[in-house]
Amino acid sequence: MTQTIKFGRQAVRRPAFSINELSFSSLPLSLAEEQRLAEAGEGVPEDAVMSRVLGVLVEVLNARAEGELVDAGWLMENLTPSDLEGIVAHLRGEG
């Protein structure tokens, strides 16, 4: 009996994660989201990169929100730099 190999974002099922009591699905990053993250720092001064990355992360998290939506101000108050890296790594399926 042959088992079917599945590809695509919906083929990966992982438990939801939370940030300070708000829950988000663990749907893997799409190619479009990866591209937006990669382009966040292009053509902007170094001090503006974080704002651009946070803007993309707001979009990514709100697309996965299982309730309340977030904004960049909420992320700034509730995340650390390592949280930011950890969330992106989690959504990439790393570690």
C-alpha atoms as a PDB file:
ATOM      1  CA  MET A   1       0.000   0.000   0.000  1.00  0.00           C
ATOM      2  CA  THR A   2       1.436   3.349  -1.047  1.00  0.00           C
ATOM      3  CA  GLN A   3       1.107   6.402   1.156  1.00  0.00           C
ATOM      4  CA  THR A   4       0.381   9.736  -0.551  1.00  0.00           C
ATOM      5  CA  ILE A   5       2.909  12.514  -0.017  1.00  0.00           C
ATOM      6  CA  LYS A   6       1.208  15.863   0.535  1.00  0.00           C
ATOM      7  CA  PHE A   7       2.566  19.307  -0.183  1.00  0.00           C
ATOM      8  CA  GLY A   8       1.114  22.726   0.518  1.00  0.00           C
ATOM      9  CA  ARG A   9       0.476  24.861   3.541  1.00  0.00           C
ATOM     10  CA  GLN A  10      -2.714  23.059   4.517  1.00  0.00           C
ATOM     11  CA  ALA A  11      -0.899  19.692   4.565  1.00  0.00           C
ATOM     12  CA  VAL A  12       1.040  20.732   7.685  1.00  0.00           C
ATOM     13  CA  ARG A  13      -0.961  20.549  10.912  1.00  0.00           C
ATOM     14  CA  ARG A  14       0.557  21.898  14.105  1.00  0.00           C
ATOM     15  CA  PRO A  15      -1.011  23.160  17.313  1.00  0.00           C
ATOM     16  CA  ALA A  16      -1.846  26.856  17.646  1.00  0.00           C
ATOM     17  CA  PHE A  17       0.522  29.126  19.570  1.00  0.00           C
ATOM     18  CA  SER A  18      -0.192  32.077  21.826  1.00  0.00           C
ATOM     19  CA  ILE A  19       1.287  35.453  22.587  1.00  0.00           C
ATOM     20  CA  ASN A  20       0.131  36.859  25.917  1.00  0.00           C
ATOM     21  CA  GLU A  21      -3.214  35.047  25.858  1.00  0.00           C
ATOM     22  CA  LEU A  22      -3.988  35.680  22.162  1.00  0.00           C
ATOM     23  CA  SER A  23      -4.035  32.539  19.978  1.00  0.00           C
ATOM     24  CA  PHE A  24      -2.790  32.127  16.422  1.00  0.00           C
ATOM     25  CA  SER A  25      -2.861  29.153  14.071  1.00  0.00           C
ATOM     26  CA  SER A  26       0.496  27.672  13.072  1.00  0.00           C
ATOM     27  CA  LEU A  27      -0.251  27.718   9.345  1.00  0.00           C
ATOM     28  CA  PRO A  28       3.169  27.760   7.628  1.00  0.00           C
ATOM     29  CA  LEU A  29       4.348  30.895   5.885  1.00  0.00           C
ATOM     30  CA  SER A  30       3.321  31.156   2.258  1.00  0.00           C
ATOM     31  CA  LEU A  31       5.814  32.003  -0.453  1.00  0.00           C
ATOM     32  CA  ALA A  32       4.230  35.466  -0.664  1.00  0.00           C
ATOM     33  CA  GLU A  33       4.705  36.026   3.092  1.00  0.00           C
ATOM     34  CA  GLU A  34       8.321  34.856   2.868  1.00  0.00           C
ATOM     35  CA  GLN A  35       8.887  37.292   0.023  1.00  0.00           C
ATOM     36  CA  ARG A  36       7.343  40.196   1.981  1.00  0.00           C
ATOM     37  CA  LEU A  37       9.576  39.387   4.968  1.00  0.00           C
ATOM     38  CA  ALA A  38      12.667  39.188   2.748  1.00  0.00           C
ATOM     39  CA  GLU A  39      11.847  42.500   1.087  1.00  0.00           C
ATOM     40  CA  ALA A  40      11.031  44.328   4.331  1.00  0.00           C
ATOM     41  CA  GLY A  41      14.515  45.816   4.609  1.00  0.00           C
ATOM     42  CA  GLU A  42      15.071  46.656   0.963  1.00  0.00           C
ATOM     43  CA  GLY A  43      15.527  50.302   0.078  1.00  0.00           C
ATOM     44  CA  VAL A  44      14.855  51.687   3.550  1.00  0.00           C
ATOM     45  CA  PRO A  45      17.232  53.179   6.111  1.00  0.00           C
ATOM     46  CA  GLU A  46      18.471  50.705   8.720  1.00  0.00           C
ATOM     47  CA  ASP A  47      16.436  52.371  11.473  1.00  0.00           C
ATOM     48  CA  ALA A  48      13.215  51.752   9.491  1.00  0.00           C
ATOM     49  CA  VAL A  49      13.748  48.020   8.926  1.00  0.00           C
ATOM     50  CA  MET A  50      12.170  46.989  12.245  1.00  0.00           C
ATOM     51  CA  SER A  51       9.005  48.939  11.472  1.00  0.00           C
ATOM     52  CA  ARG A  52       8.715  47.273   8.078  1.00  0.00           C
ATOM     53  CA  VAL A  53       9.317  43.795   9.551  1.00  0.00           C
ATOM     54  CA  LEU A  54       6.711  44.458  12.254  1.00  0.00           C
ATOM     55  CA  GLY A  55       4.236  45.551   9.584  1.00  0.00           C
ATOM     56  CA  VAL A  56       4.677  42.258   7.750  1.00  0.00           C
ATOM     57  CA  LEU A  57       4.452  40.305  11.014  1.00  0.00           C
ATOM     58  CA  VAL A  58       1.177  42.089  11.841  1.00  0.00           C
ATOM     59  CA  GLU A  59      -0.219  40.883   8.500  1.00  0.00           C
ATOM     60  CA  VAL A  60       1.071  37.352   9.085  1.00  0.00           C
ATOM     61  CA  LEU A  61      -0.331  37.105  12.610  1.00  0.00           C
ATOM     62  CA  ASN A  62      -3.681  38.676  11.762  1.00  0.00           C
ATOM     63  CA  ALA A  63      -4.104  36.146   8.939  1.00  0.00           C
ATOM     64  CA  ARG A  64      -3.710  33.445  11.618  1.00  0.00           C
ATOM     65  CA  ALA A  65      -5.575  35.129  14.476  1.00  0.00           C
ATOM     66  CA  GLU A  66      -8.046  32.937  16.309  1.00  0.00           C
ATOM     67  CA  GLY A  67      -9.777  35.920  17.855  1.00  0.00           C
ATOM     68  CA  GLU A  68      -8.500  39.443  18.470  1.00  0.00           C
ATOM     69  CA  LEU A  69      -6.298  41.119  15.857  1.00  0.00           C
ATOM     70  CA  VAL A  70      -3.008  42.846  16.676  1.00  0.00           C
ATOM     71  CA  ASP A  71      -1.168  45.935  15.486  1.00  0.00           C
ATOM     72  CA  ALA A  72       2.484  47.014  15.477  1.00  0.00           C
ATOM     73  CA  GLY A  73       2.108  48.864  18.796  1.00  0.00           C
ATOM     74  CA  TRP A  74       0.787  45.709  20.474  1.00  0.00           C
ATOM     75  CA  LEU A  75       3.704  43.694  19.080  1.00  0.00           C
ATOM     76  CA  MET A  76       6.212  46.293  20.326  1.00  0.00           C
ATOM     77  CA  GLU A  77       4.779  46.027  23.841  1.00  0.00           C
ATOM     78  CA  ASN A  78       4.387  42.250  23.938  1.00  0.00           C
ATOM     79  CA  LEU A  79       7.338  40.770  22.019  1.00  0.00           C
ATOM     80  CA  THR A  80      11.082  40.627  22.487  1.00  0.00           C
ATOM     81  CA  PRO A  81      13.559  40.426  19.577  1.00  0.00           C
ATOM     82  CA  SER A  82      14.001  36.700  20.217  1.00  0.00           C
ATOM     83  CA  ASP A  83      10.198  36.237  20.170  1.00  0.00           C
ATOM     84  CA  LEU A  84      10.108  37.804  16.726  1.00  0.00           C
ATOM     85  CA  GLU A  85      12.749  35.392  15.457  1.00  0.00           C
ATOM     86  CA  GLY A  86      11.071  32.448  17.218  1.00  0.00           C
ATOM     87  CA  ILE A  87       7.651  33.114  15.686  1.00  0.00           C
ATOM     88  CA  VAL A  88       9.064  33.352  12.164  1.00  0.00           C
ATOM     89  CA  ALA A  89      11.148  30.201  12.712  1.00  0.00           C
ATOM     90  CA  HIS A  90       8.077  28.375  14.033  1.00  0.00           C
ATOM     91  CA  LEU A  91       5.996  29.381  11.019  1.00  0.00           C
ATOM     92  CA  ARG A  92       8.818  28.211   8.768  1.00  0.00           C
ATOM     93  CA  GLY A  93       8.731  24.816  10.481  1.00  0.00           C
ATOM     94  CA  GLU A  94      12.217  25.197  11.916  1.00  0.00           C
ATOM     95  CA  GLY A  95      13.020  23.584  15.225  1.00  0.00           C
END
